[in-house]
């Protein structure tokens, strides 16, 4: 029984750590700008054999999507404050 419970918890932890990657369709000009500012962001091009029918897709990462919204002139949400950034307001340690 203990072994089954530990296997279940191990699988549950593995499922929670899996991350789904989403792709955002971008233009060629946006691809150049994102690649220049964020070289680590994964960008995919379709139809490599036929040069006239290709599309670019960018992996959805927070900083890349924020920059893409700035390029497109869309409203950009302000960065959230993390609880660690706030000063200690109470007693405690």
Protein backbone atom coordinates (compact mmCIF):
# COMPACT_ATOMS: atom_id res chain seq x y z
CA UNK A 1 0.00 0.00 0.00
CA UNK A 2 2.82 2.42 0.85
CA UNK A 3 4.59 1.65 -2.42
CA UNK A 4 1.43 2.33 -4.44
CA UNK A 5 0.90 5.63 -2.65
CA UNK A 6 4.48 6.74 -3.24
CA UNK A 7 4.24 5.81 -6.94
CA UNK A 8 1.01 7.78 -7.20
CA UNK A 9 2.60 10.84 -5.58
CA UNK A 10 5.64 10.57 -7.84
CA UNK A 11 3.42 10.45 -10.94
CA UNK A 12 1.33 13.36 -9.67
CA UNK A 13 4.48 15.45 -9.18
CA UNK A 14 5.65 14.55 -12.69
CA UNK A 15 2.32 15.62 -14.19
CA UNK A 16 2.40 18.95 -12.36
CA UNK A 17 5.95 19.62 -13.58
CA UNK A 18 5.06 19.00 -17.24
CA UNK A 19 4.62 22.24 -19.11
CA UNK A 20 2.64 22.74 -22.28
CA UNK A 21 4.23 25.02 -24.86
CA UNK A 22 1.94 27.18 -26.95
CA UNK A 23 2.87 28.90 -30.21
CA UNK A 24 1.96 32.39 -31.39
CA UNK A 25 1.81 33.22 -35.10
CA UNK A 26 4.16 36.08 -36.00
CA UNK A 27 5.24 37.92 -39.14
CA UNK A 28 8.71 37.91 -40.67
CA UNK A 29 9.46 41.42 -39.36
CA UNK A 30 8.34 40.43 -35.86
CA UNK A 31 10.51 37.32 -36.12
CA UNK A 32 13.57 39.43 -36.88
CA UNK A 33 12.89 41.81 -33.98
CA UNK A 34 12.23 39.01 -31.46
CA UNK A 35 15.29 37.04 -32.59
CA UNK A 36 17.47 40.12 -32.20
CA UNK A 37 16.27 40.97 -28.68
CA UNK A 38 15.66 37.42 -27.36
CA UNK A 39 17.99 34.93 -29.09
CA UNK A 40 16.98 32.12 -26.72
CA UNK A 41 13.29 32.14 -27.78
CA UNK A 42 12.35 29.21 -30.01
CA UNK A 43 10.92 30.32 -33.40
CA UNK A 44 9.67 27.81 -35.99
CA UNK A 45 9.16 28.30 -39.72
CA UNK A 46 6.80 26.12 -41.73
CA UNK A 47 7.14 25.05 -45.38
CA UNK A 48 10.92 25.26 -45.58
CA UNK A 49 10.96 23.61 -49.01
CA UNK A 50 8.61 26.15 -50.67
CA UNK A 51 9.78 29.67 -49.93
CA UNK A 52 6.51 31.46 -50.79
CA UNK A 53 4.17 29.62 -48.40
CA UNK A 54 5.79 29.82 -44.99
CA UNK A 55 4.64 31.04 -41.60
CA UNK A 56 6.52 31.84 -38.42
CA UNK A 57 5.50 30.68 -34.96
CA UNK A 58 7.08 31.82 -31.70
CA UNK A 59 7.06 29.90 -28.44
CA UNK A 60 4.86 31.67 -25.91
CA UNK A 61 7.27 32.99 -23.30
CA UNK A 62 6.35 35.88 -21.04
CA UNK A 63 9.04 38.34 -22.12
CA UNK A 64 8.69 37.51 -25.83
CA UNK A 65 4.90 37.92 -25.79
CA UNK A 66 5.22 41.21 -23.89
CA UNK A 67 7.67 42.51 -26.52
CA UNK A 68 5.41 41.23 -29.33
CA UNK A 69 2.48 43.20 -27.88
CA UNK A 70 4.67 46.31 -27.81
CA UNK A 71 5.59 45.77 -31.48
CA UNK A 72 1.94 45.33 -32.46
CA UNK A 73 0.81 48.39 -30.49
CA UNK A 74 -1.42 46.34 -28.20
CA UNK A 75 -1.84 47.29 -24.54
CA UNK A 76 0.85 45.76 -22.35
CA UNK A 77 0.00 44.73 -18.81
CA UNK A 78 2.33 46.06 -16.16
CA UNK A 79 4.66 43.61 -14.50
CA UNK A 80 3.23 42.07 -11.38
CA UNK A 81 4.93 42.67 -8.08
CA UNK A 82 6.15 39.55 -6.44
CA UNK A 83 5.53 39.10 -2.73
CA UNK A 84 9.30 39.03 -2.23
CA UNK A 85 9.56 42.56 -3.64
CA UNK A 86 7.34 44.02 -0.94
CA UNK A 87 8.94 45.33 2.25
CA UNK A 88 8.38 43.46 5.47
CA UNK A 89 5.38 45.15 7.08
CA UNK A 90 4.88 43.05 10.11
CA UNK A 91 6.81 41.52 12.91
CA UNK A 92 7.95 38.02 12.40
CA UNK A 93 11.44 36.95 11.71
